[in-house]
């Protein structure tokens, strides 16, 4: 006999996760796609704490937000970096 109502969710939405943090950069898994953010192109993460990097949110399925680091990144800029040639120096 099927349940009459759904139970409570036991896990958070896996829409974004930090898969690995290396000395060269960060590996992210976002909505089924993997991205590598190297520290040369994304220097805001180089000296960040692990806890700060892991505190990432997907906002409106269009950009990533790291509130403790005050960093926002459009997913489009990660998917098509050639369309966004400006790099922070």
C-alpha atoms as a PDB file:
ATOM      1  CA  UNK A   1       0.000   0.000   0.000  1.00  0.00           C
ATOM      2  CA  UNK A   2       1.512   3.380  -0.976  1.00  0.00           C
ATOM      3  CA  UNK A   3       2.045   6.139   1.547  1.00  0.00           C
ATOM      4  CA  UNK A   4      -0.564   8.876   1.671  1.00  0.00           C
ATOM      5  CA  UNK A   5       1.989  11.681   1.997  1.00  0.00           C
ATOM      6  CA  UNK A   6       5.664  12.177   1.444  1.00  0.00           C
ATOM      7  CA  UNK A   7       8.090  11.977   4.337  1.00  0.00           C
ATOM      8  CA  UNK A   8      10.559  14.646   5.414  1.00  0.00           C
ATOM      9  CA  UNK A   9      13.669  15.239   3.352  1.00  0.00           C
ATOM     10  CA  UNK A  10      16.718  13.809   5.038  1.00  0.00           C
ATOM     11  CA  UNK A  11      19.382  15.398   2.857  1.00  0.00           C
ATOM     12  CA  UNK A  12      20.071  18.794   1.364  1.00  0.00           C
ATOM     13  CA  UNK A  13      19.733  19.362  -2.346  1.00  0.00           C
ATOM     14  CA  UNK A  14      22.938  18.188  -4.048  1.00  0.00           C
ATOM     15  CA  UNK A  15      22.809  21.028  -6.582  1.00  0.00           C
ATOM     16  CA  UNK A  16      26.268  22.319  -5.562  1.00  0.00           C
ATOM     17  CA  UNK A  17      29.109  20.721  -3.661  1.00  0.00           C
ATOM     18  CA  UNK A  18      32.812  21.277  -3.183  1.00  0.00           C
ATOM     19  CA  UNK A  19      34.391  18.012  -4.287  1.00  0.00           C
ATOM     20  CA  UNK A  20      38.044  18.774  -3.644  1.00  0.00           C
ATOM     21  CA  UNK A  21      40.346  21.584  -2.541  1.00  0.00           C
ATOM     22  CA  UNK A  22      43.929  21.291  -3.780  1.00  0.00           C
ATOM     23  CA  UNK A  23      46.971  23.542  -3.753  1.00  0.00           C
ATOM     24  CA  UNK A  24      46.119  24.491  -7.377  1.00  0.00           C
ATOM     25  CA  UNK A  25      42.403  25.207  -7.026  1.00  0.00           C
ATOM     26  CA  UNK A  26      38.910  24.002  -6.195  1.00  0.00           C
ATOM     27  CA  UNK A  27      36.756  21.306  -7.811  1.00  0.00           C
ATOM     28  CA  UNK A  28      33.016  22.012  -7.760  1.00  0.00           C
ATOM     29  CA  UNK A  29      30.096  19.826  -8.793  1.00  0.00           C
ATOM     30  CA  UNK A  30      27.124  21.979  -9.814  1.00  0.00           C
ATOM     31  CA  UNK A  31      23.852  20.592 -11.182  1.00  0.00           C
ATOM     32  CA  UNK A  32      25.521  17.571 -12.719  1.00  0.00           C
ATOM     33  CA  UNK A  33      28.595  19.373 -14.106  1.00  0.00           C
ATOM     34  CA  UNK A  34      32.120  19.534 -12.761  1.00  0.00           C
ATOM     35  CA  UNK A  35      34.136  22.764 -12.683  1.00  0.00           C
ATOM     36  CA  UNK A  36      37.734  23.513 -11.730  1.00  0.00           C
ATOM     37  CA  UNK A  37      38.479  26.979 -10.327  1.00  0.00           C
ATOM     38  CA  UNK A  38      42.228  27.497 -10.330  1.00  0.00           C
ATOM     39  CA  UNK A  39      43.693  30.057  -7.965  1.00  0.00           C
ATOM     40  CA  UNK A  40      45.374  32.007 -10.789  1.00  0.00           C
ATOM     41  CA  UNK A  41      41.974  32.887 -12.272  1.00  0.00           C
ATOM     42  CA  UNK A  42      40.032  32.876  -8.986  1.00  0.00           C
ATOM     43  CA  UNK A  43      42.466  34.297  -6.397  1.00  0.00           C
ATOM     44  CA  UNK A  44      39.742  34.950  -3.788  1.00  0.00           C
ATOM     45  CA  UNK A  45      39.914  31.293  -2.778  1.00  0.00           C
ATOM     46  CA  UNK A  46      43.697  30.955  -2.468  1.00  0.00           C
ATOM     47  CA  UNK A  47      43.930  32.010   1.199  1.00  0.00           C
ATOM     48  CA  UNK A  48      40.357  31.181   2.212  1.00  0.00           C
ATOM     49  CA  UNK A  49      39.618  28.685   4.941  1.00  0.00           C
ATOM     50  CA  UNK A  50      38.128  25.320   4.015  1.00  0.00           C
ATOM     51  CA  UNK A  51      34.954  26.169   5.918  1.00  0.00           C
ATOM     52  CA  UNK A  52      34.568  29.406   3.920  1.00  0.00           C
ATOM     53  CA  UNK A  53      35.037  27.622   0.592  1.00  0.00           C
ATOM     54  CA  UNK A  54      32.579  24.879   1.508  1.00  0.00           C
ATOM     55  CA  UNK A  55      29.922  27.444   2.418  1.00  0.00           C
ATOM     56  CA  UNK A  56      28.693  27.905  -1.154  1.00  0.00           C
ATOM     57  CA  UNK A  57      25.102  28.365  -2.320  1.00  0.00           C
ATOM     58  CA  UNK A  58      23.493  28.056  -5.724  1.00  0.00           C
ATOM     59  CA  UNK A  59      21.233  31.066  -6.230  1.00  0.00           C
ATOM     60  CA  UNK A  60      18.387  30.890  -8.767  1.00  0.00           C
ATOM     61  CA  UNK A  61      20.297  28.187 -10.661  1.00  0.00           C
ATOM     62  CA  UNK A  62      22.333  30.935 -12.293  1.00  0.00           C
ATOM     63  CA  UNK A  63      25.161  31.876  -9.939  1.00  0.00           C
ATOM     64  CA  UNK A  64      27.218  30.653  -7.003  1.00  0.00           C
ATOM     65  CA  UNK A  65      27.519  32.666  -3.798  1.00  0.00           C
ATOM     66  CA  UNK A  66      30.160  32.402  -1.076  1.00  0.00           C
ATOM     67  CA  UNK A  67      28.734  34.737   1.599  1.00  0.00           C
ATOM     68  CA  UNK A  68      31.705  34.658   3.967  1.00  0.00           C
ATOM     69  CA  UNK A  69      34.102  35.534   1.129  1.00  0.00           C
ATOM     70  CA  UNK A  70      31.748  38.028  -0.554  1.00  0.00           C
ATOM     71  CA  UNK A  71      32.221  36.223  -3.892  1.00  0.00           C
ATOM     72  CA  UNK A  72      29.562  35.696  -6.577  1.00  0.00           C
ATOM     73  CA  UNK A  73      30.236  33.777  -9.797  1.00  0.00           C
ATOM     74  CA  UNK A  74      27.861  33.372 -12.735  1.00  0.00           C
ATOM     75  CA  UNK A  75      27.616  29.750 -13.879  1.00  0.00           C
ATOM     76  CA  UNK A  76      27.719  31.001 -17.447  1.00  0.00           C
ATOM     77  CA  UNK A  77      31.207  32.421 -16.814  1.00  0.00           C
ATOM     78  CA  UNK A  78      32.383  28.980 -15.674  1.00  0.00           C
ATOM     79  CA  UNK A  79      30.748  27.178 -18.611  1.00  0.00           C
ATOM     80  CA  UNK A  80      31.975  29.657 -21.256  1.00  0.00           C
ATOM     81  CA  UNK A  81      35.010  31.503 -19.871  1.00  0.00           C
ATOM     82  CA  UNK A  82      35.924  32.869 -23.314  1.00  0.00           C
ATOM     83  CA  UNK A  83      32.852  35.098 -23.149  1.00  0.00           C
ATOM     84  CA  UNK A  84      34.188  36.678 -19.922  1.00  0.00           C
ATOM     85  CA  UNK A  85      37.778  37.739 -20.672  1.00  0.00           C
ATOM     86  CA  UNK A  86      38.298  40.045 -17.675  1.00  0.00           C
ATOM     87  CA  UNK A  87      40.424  38.509 -14.943  1.00  0.00           C
ATOM     88  CA  UNK A  88      40.962  39.990 -11.495  1.00  0.00           C
ATOM     89  CA  UNK A  89      44.559  41.120 -10.930  1.00  0.00           C
END
